[in-house]
Protein backbone atom coordinates (compact mmCIF):
# COMPACT_ATOMS: atom_id res chain seq x y z
CA MET A 1 -8.46 9.98 -22.22
CA THR A 2 -6.00 12.88 -22.15
CA ALA A 3 -2.22 12.40 -22.11
CA ASP A 4 -2.07 13.63 -18.50
CA ARG A 5 -4.71 11.15 -17.35
CA THR A 6 -2.96 8.36 -19.22
CA ARG A 7 0.33 9.19 -17.49
CA THR A 8 -1.36 9.38 -14.08
CA ALA A 9 -3.10 6.05 -14.66
CA GLY A 10 0.16 4.45 -15.77
CA LEU A 11 2.11 5.69 -12.75
CA ALA A 12 -0.69 4.65 -10.38
CA LEU A 13 -0.78 1.18 -11.93
CA LEU A 14 3.00 0.78 -11.49
CA ALA A 15 2.66 1.74 -7.81
CA ILE A 16 -0.20 -0.71 -7.32
CA VAL A 17 1.84 -3.47 -8.97
CA ALA A 18 4.64 -2.71 -6.48
CA PHE A 19 2.15 -2.94 -3.58
CA ALA A 20 0.85 -6.30 -4.83
CA ALA A 21 4.40 -7.61 -5.20
CA ASN A 22 5.20 -6.39 -1.70
CA SER A 23 2.24 -8.31 -0.33
CA LEU A 24 3.40 -11.48 -2.10
CA LEU A 25 6.96 -11.11 -0.82
CA THR A 26 5.78 -10.56 2.76
CA ARG A 27 3.40 -13.50 2.73
CA ARG A 28 5.98 -15.80 1.14
CA ALA A 29 8.61 -14.93 3.73
CA LEU A 30 6.36 -15.16 6.79
CA ALA A 31 4.08 -18.03 5.76
CA GLY A 32 7.10 -20.08 4.75
CA HIS A 33 8.76 -19.40 8.13
CA GLU A 34 11.83 -18.13 6.30
CA ILE A 35 12.21 -15.20 8.70
CA GLY A 36 10.62 -13.75 11.82
CA PRO A 37 8.34 -10.69 11.55
CA GLY A 38 10.64 -8.44 13.59
CA THR A 39 13.68 -9.25 11.47
CA PHE A 40 11.63 -8.91 8.29
CA VAL A 41 10.35 -5.42 9.07
CA ALA A 42 13.80 -4.30 10.26
CA LEU A 43 15.46 -5.48 7.04
CA ARG A 44 12.63 -4.08 4.97
CA LEU A 45 12.88 -0.51 6.27
CA ALA A 46 16.68 -0.55 6.54
CA SER A 47 17.15 -1.74 2.95
CA GLY A 48 14.54 0.74 1.75
CA ALA A 49 16.32 3.57 3.55
CA LEU A 50 19.65 2.52 2.03
CA MET A 51 18.21 2.36 -1.50
CA LEU A 52 16.62 5.81 -1.20
CA ALA A 53 19.76 7.29 0.36
CA VAL A 54 21.82 6.04 -2.60
CA LEU A 55 19.31 7.43 -5.11
CA GLY A 56 19.27 10.80 -3.36
CA ALA A 57 22.98 10.98 -2.46
CA HIS A 58 23.56 13.88 -4.85
CA ARG A 59 21.38 16.08 -2.62
CA ALA A 60 22.18 14.79 0.84
CA ASP A 61 20.91 17.94 2.55
CA GLY A 62 17.39 17.08 1.42
CA LEU A 63 17.49 13.63 3.01
CA VAL A 64 17.87 14.68 6.65
CA PRO A 65 14.54 14.06 8.46
CA ARG A 66 12.97 17.24 9.82
CA ARG A 67 10.12 18.06 12.17
CA ALA A 68 7.63 18.25 9.29
CA ASP A 69 8.40 14.59 8.51
CA LEU A 70 7.38 13.24 11.92
CA GLY A 71 3.88 12.38 10.73
CA GLY A 72 5.17 10.43 7.74
CA ILE A 73 7.79 8.64 9.83
CA ALA A 74 5.28 7.67 12.53
CA SER A 75 2.65 6.48 10.06
CA LEU A 76 5.23 4.46 8.09
CA LEU A 77 6.39 2.82 11.33
CA GLY A 78 2.82 2.07 12.40
CA TYR A 79 1.96 0.54 9.04
CA ALA A 80 5.10 -1.55 8.57
CA ILE A 81 5.13 -3.02 12.07
CA ALA A 82 1.39 -3.66 12.39
CA PHE A 83 1.06 -5.06 8.85
CA THR A 84 3.96 -7.49 9.28
CA PHE A 85 2.98 -8.83 12.69
CA ALA A 86 -0.70 -9.11 11.67
CA TYR A 87 0.14 -11.34 8.73
CA VAL A 88 1.79 -13.88 11.04
CA GLN A 89 -1.71 -14.87 12.20
CA LEU A 90 -4.04 -13.60 9.47
CA GLY A 91 -4.81 -15.22 6.15
CA ALA A 92 -4.35 -13.11 3.04
CA ALA A 93 -8.09 -12.72 2.40
CA VAL A 94 -9.16 -11.54 5.85
CA GLY A 95 -6.08 -9.31 6.06
CA ALA A 96 -6.97 -7.54 2.82
CA LEU A 97 -10.64 -7.37 3.79
CA ILE A 98 -9.68 -5.44 6.94
CA LEU A 99 -6.82 -3.40 5.49
CA PHE A 100 -8.20 -1.82 2.34
CA PRO A 101 -11.63 -0.65 3.56
CA THR A 102 -9.85 0.81 6.61
CA VAL A 103 -7.46 2.68 4.33
CA GLN A 104 -10.39 4.02 2.29
CA LEU A 105 -12.32 5.08 5.40
CA THR A 106 -9.24 6.84 6.81
CA LEU A 107 -8.58 8.75 3.59
CA VAL A 108 -12.19 9.90 3.27
CA THR A 109 -12.34 10.87 6.96
CA VAL A 110 -9.13 12.91 6.78
CA ALA A 111 -10.35 14.65 3.62
CA ALA A 112 -13.72 15.41 5.26
CA VAL A 113 -12.01 16.88 8.34
CA ARG A 114 -10.05 19.11 5.97
CA GLY A 115 -13.30 20.21 4.33
CA THR A 116 -13.31 18.06 1.19
CA LEU A 117 -16.19 15.62 0.87
CA PRO A 118 -16.31 12.99 -1.89
CA SER A 119 -18.52 13.80 -4.86
CA ALA A 120 -21.53 11.63 -5.67
CA ARG A 121 -19.54 9.98 -8.47
CA GLU A 122 -16.59 9.23 -6.17
CA ALA A 123 -18.85 7.86 -3.44
CA ALA A 124 -20.71 5.61 -5.88
CA GLY A 125 -17.52 4.34 -7.48
CA SER A 126 -15.89 3.64 -4.11
CA ALA A 127 -18.97 1.77 -2.91
CA LEU A 128 -19.00 -0.34 -6.09
CA ALA A 129 -15.32 -1.20 -5.68
CA LEU A 130 -15.80 -2.09 -2.00
CA VAL A 131 -18.67 -4.42 -2.90
CA GLY A 132 -16.32 -6.10 -5.36
CA ILE A 133 -13.67 -6.48 -2.64
CA VAL A 134 -16.17 -8.14 -0.29
CA CYS A 135 -17.38 -10.50 -3.05
CA LEU A 136 -13.79 -11.34 -3.97
CA LEU A 137 -12.44 -12.02 -0.49
CA ALA A 138 -15.39 -12.96 1.76
CA PRO A 139 -15.64 -16.62 0.64
CA ASN A 140 -12.09 -17.24 1.91
CA VAL A 141 -12.42 -15.43 5.23
CA ARG A 142 -12.13 -17.28 8.50
CA THR A 143 -12.71 -15.82 11.95
CA PRO A 144 -9.52 -13.92 12.71
CA SER A 145 -7.62 -13.46 15.93
CA ILE A 146 -8.84 -10.26 17.59
CA VAL A 147 -5.28 -9.07 18.17
CA ALA A 148 -4.26 -9.76 14.58
CA ALA A 149 -7.40 -8.07 13.24
CA LEU A 150 -6.72 -5.04 15.41
CA LEU A 151 -3.14 -4.89 14.17
CA MET A 152 -4.33 -4.95 10.55
CA ALA A 153 -6.82 -2.19 11.29
CA ILE A 154 -3.96 -0.13 12.78
CA ALA A 155 -1.97 -0.84 9.62
CA GLY A 156 -4.90 0.42 7.53
CA VAL A 157 -5.26 3.64 9.50
CA SER A 158 -1.49 4.20 9.41
CA TRP A 159 -1.28 3.65 5.66
CA GLY A 160 -4.27 5.93 5.12
CA LEU A 161 -2.50 8.67 7.09
CA TYR A 162 0.76 8.03 5.22
CA THR A 163 -1.11 8.38 1.93
CA SER A 164 -2.89 11.55 3.05
CA LEU A 165 0.40 13.17 4.02
CA GLY A 166 1.84 12.34 0.60
CA ARG A 167 -0.85 14.19 -1.31
CA GLY A 168 0.83 17.52 -0.61
CA THR A 169 4.42 16.57 -1.36
CA THR A 170 6.46 18.44 -3.96
CA ASP A 171 9.55 16.18 -3.84
CA PRO A 172 8.35 12.56 -3.68
CA LEU A 173 11.76 10.87 -3.66
CA ALA A 174 13.25 13.08 -0.94
CA ARG A 175 10.10 12.92 1.19
CA THR A 176 9.99 9.12 0.95
CA ALA A 177 13.71 8.90 1.74
CA ARG A 178 13.34 11.03 4.86
CA ASN A 179 10.42 8.87 6.01
CA PHE A 180 12.44 5.66 5.61
CA LEU A 181 15.64 7.11 7.07
CA GLY A 182 13.70 8.41 10.06
CA ALA A 183 11.81 5.16 10.63
CA ALA A 184 14.58 2.59 10.10
CA PRO A 185 16.50 3.17 13.37
CA PHE A 186 13.35 2.51 15.41
CA VAL A 187 12.73 -0.94 13.93
CA LEU A 188 16.30 -2.27 13.92
CA PRO A 189 16.02 -3.50 17.57
CA LEU A 190 13.09 -5.71 16.53
CA ALA A 191 15.52 -7.95 14.68
CA PHE A 192 17.09 -8.86 18.03
CA VAL A 193 14.23 -8.82 20.54
CA SER A 194 11.23 -10.28 18.69
CA ALA A 195 10.47 -13.99 18.55
CA GLY A 196 10.53 -15.94 15.30
CA PRO A 197 12.62 -18.29 13.20
CA SER A 198 16.18 -17.37 12.33
CA PRO A 199 16.28 -15.81 8.88
CA SER A 200 17.23 -18.05 6.00
CA MET A 201 19.01 -16.74 2.91
CA LEU A 202 15.68 -16.71 1.10
CA GLY A 203 13.96 -14.91 3.96
CA GLY A 204 16.62 -12.21 4.04
CA ALA A 205 16.48 -11.82 0.26
CA LEU A 206 12.69 -11.47 0.32
CA ALA A 207 12.87 -8.81 3.05
CA VAL A 208 15.52 -6.82 1.19
CA ALA A 209 13.59 -7.05 -2.09
CA SER A 210 10.46 -5.92 -0.28
CA GLY A 211 12.29 -2.95 1.23
CA ALA A 212 14.63 -1.78 -1.50
CA ILE A 213 12.36 -2.35 -4.51
CA THR A 214 8.65 -2.77 -3.87
CA SER A 215 8.55 -0.50 -0.80
CA ALA A 216 11.16 2.21 -1.37
CA LEU A 217 10.62 2.66 -5.09
CA GLY A 218 6.92 1.82 -4.94
CA TYR A 219 6.22 4.35 -2.19
CA ALA A 220 8.21 7.09 -3.95
CA LEU A 221 6.18 6.42 -7.09
CA TRP A 222 2.96 6.50 -5.07
CA TYR A 223 3.92 9.89 -3.59
CA THR A 224 4.55 11.09 -7.16
CA VAL A 225 1.03 10.27 -8.32
CA LEU A 226 -0.91 11.17 -5.15
CA PRO A 227 -1.15 14.96 -5.76
CA ARG A 228 -3.10 14.15 -8.94
CA LEU A 229 -5.69 11.97 -7.16
CA SER A 230 -8.51 12.86 -4.83
CA ALA A 231 -8.66 11.11 -1.47
CA SER A 232 -11.45 8.82 -2.68
CA ALA A 233 -9.59 8.00 -5.88
CA ALA A 234 -6.38 7.23 -3.96
CA GLY A 235 -8.26 4.81 -1.72
CA ALA A 236 -10.24 3.16 -4.50
CA THR A 237 -7.16 2.66 -6.66
CA GLN A 238 -5.52 0.62 -3.92
CA LEU A 239 -8.43 -1.81 -4.01
CA LEU A 240 -6.80 -3.19 -7.15
CA VAL A 241 -4.01 -4.71 -5.05
CA PRO A 242 -5.88 -7.93 -4.09
CA VAL A 243 -6.91 -8.41 -7.73
CA LEU A 244 -3.34 -8.13 -8.99
CA THR A 245 -2.08 -10.32 -6.14
CA ALA A 246 -4.62 -13.01 -7.03
CA LEU A 247 -3.74 -12.79 -10.74
CA ALA A 248 -0.07 -13.27 -9.88
CA GLY A 249 -1.04 -16.32 -7.83
CA PHE A 250 -3.03 -17.76 -10.74
CA ALA A 251 -0.08 -17.23 -13.09
CA TRP A 252 2.32 -18.80 -10.60
CA LEU A 253 0.12 -21.84 -9.93
CA GLY A 254 -1.13 -22.23 -13.49
CA GLU A 255 -4.79 -22.09 -12.38
CA ARG A 256 -7.76 -20.55 -14.18
CA PRO A 257 -9.63 -17.67 -12.51
CA SER A 258 -13.14 -18.60 -11.40
CA VAL A 259 -16.30 -16.90 -12.64
CA GLY A 260 -16.68 -15.32 -9.21
CA PHE A 261 -13.18 -13.85 -9.41
CA VAL A 262 -13.86 -12.38 -12.85
CA ALA A 263 -17.18 -10.86 -11.72
CA SER A 264 -15.71 -9.43 -8.51
CA SER A 265 -12.72 -8.01 -10.37
CA ALA A 266 -15.05 -6.37 -12.88
CA LEU A 267 -16.89 -4.65 -10.02
CA ILE A 268 -13.62 -3.42 -8.54
CA LEU A 269 -12.24 -2.22 -11.87
CA GLY A 270 -15.52 -0.50 -12.70
CA GLY A 271 -15.65 1.15 -9.30
CA VAL A 272 -12.08 2.40 -9.59
CA ALA A 273 -12.76 3.76 -13.10
CA VAL A 274 -15.86 5.61 -11.87
CA THR A 275 -14.14 7.00 -8.77
CA THR A 276 -11.09 8.24 -10.64
CA GLY A 277 -13.09 9.56 -13.59
CA LEU A 278 -10.75 7.58 -15.81
CA PHE A 279 -12.94 7.77 -18.89
CA ARG A 280 -14.66 11.02 -18.11
CA ARG A 281 -14.43 13.58 -20.89
CA PRO A 282 -12.28 16.58 -20.03
CA PRO A 283 -14.09 19.93 -19.90
CA ARG A 284 -14.16 21.83 -23.15
CA THR A 285 -12.05 24.97 -23.33
CA ALA A 286 -13.28 28.14 -24.90
CA ALA A 287 -12.21 28.67 -28.49
């Protein structure tokens, strides 16, 4: 593996770890009734915007949202709102089973519309990883609410579009900051008008951690690595999120992974490696 591939893989893994942590924080806050979904998403985007504004304060002129950012702002809003409200009614397994294949389908569709079809290797690797996802999550799936399932599908499409827009960015931190700063004002009213329990100290802390750390920094890191990944590779890489989330749960609860989990994870890891060409030899250069 070349140094550039190693760096790309390392950055992608850090972003995926942030996504998995974000999922855990969201589920802990909402499932524990520590905070309502509207307040959670408002605090999440507001704290993320504040963190990114502080990090980019030395170049404030680059943080003002512009017309070219409307797509990123809209897709971030769609994802954050739909994802949060869907998880009020959906279990983690069915949510992930809807979200990640939808993200992958959106990325491949957008790339195809732009004239870039996945290669045979990318298609095979993505299919292998998706089979692993189904094997991993299907045993824990219960029939979901139609509204909640639709919301999670909207979240998947929105995140796929957000990811697609990031593949052309040249300034990941500033682009992410403008997206958050543009989106935050639209979700602040949700803290006052949506139903849900009053936020506890823990609920507020989880929302702020989700926004300022795992979302703001994680998304900026994701936008950094995206230009180096194909659409198929970007989608397949995100299929690692449920695996990392489950591993974190095992570590937290002190449980041993089952044989089925190990086998499913191997399929996902193998599919991601094939799709991204992680161990493919670089082309030889002429002497």
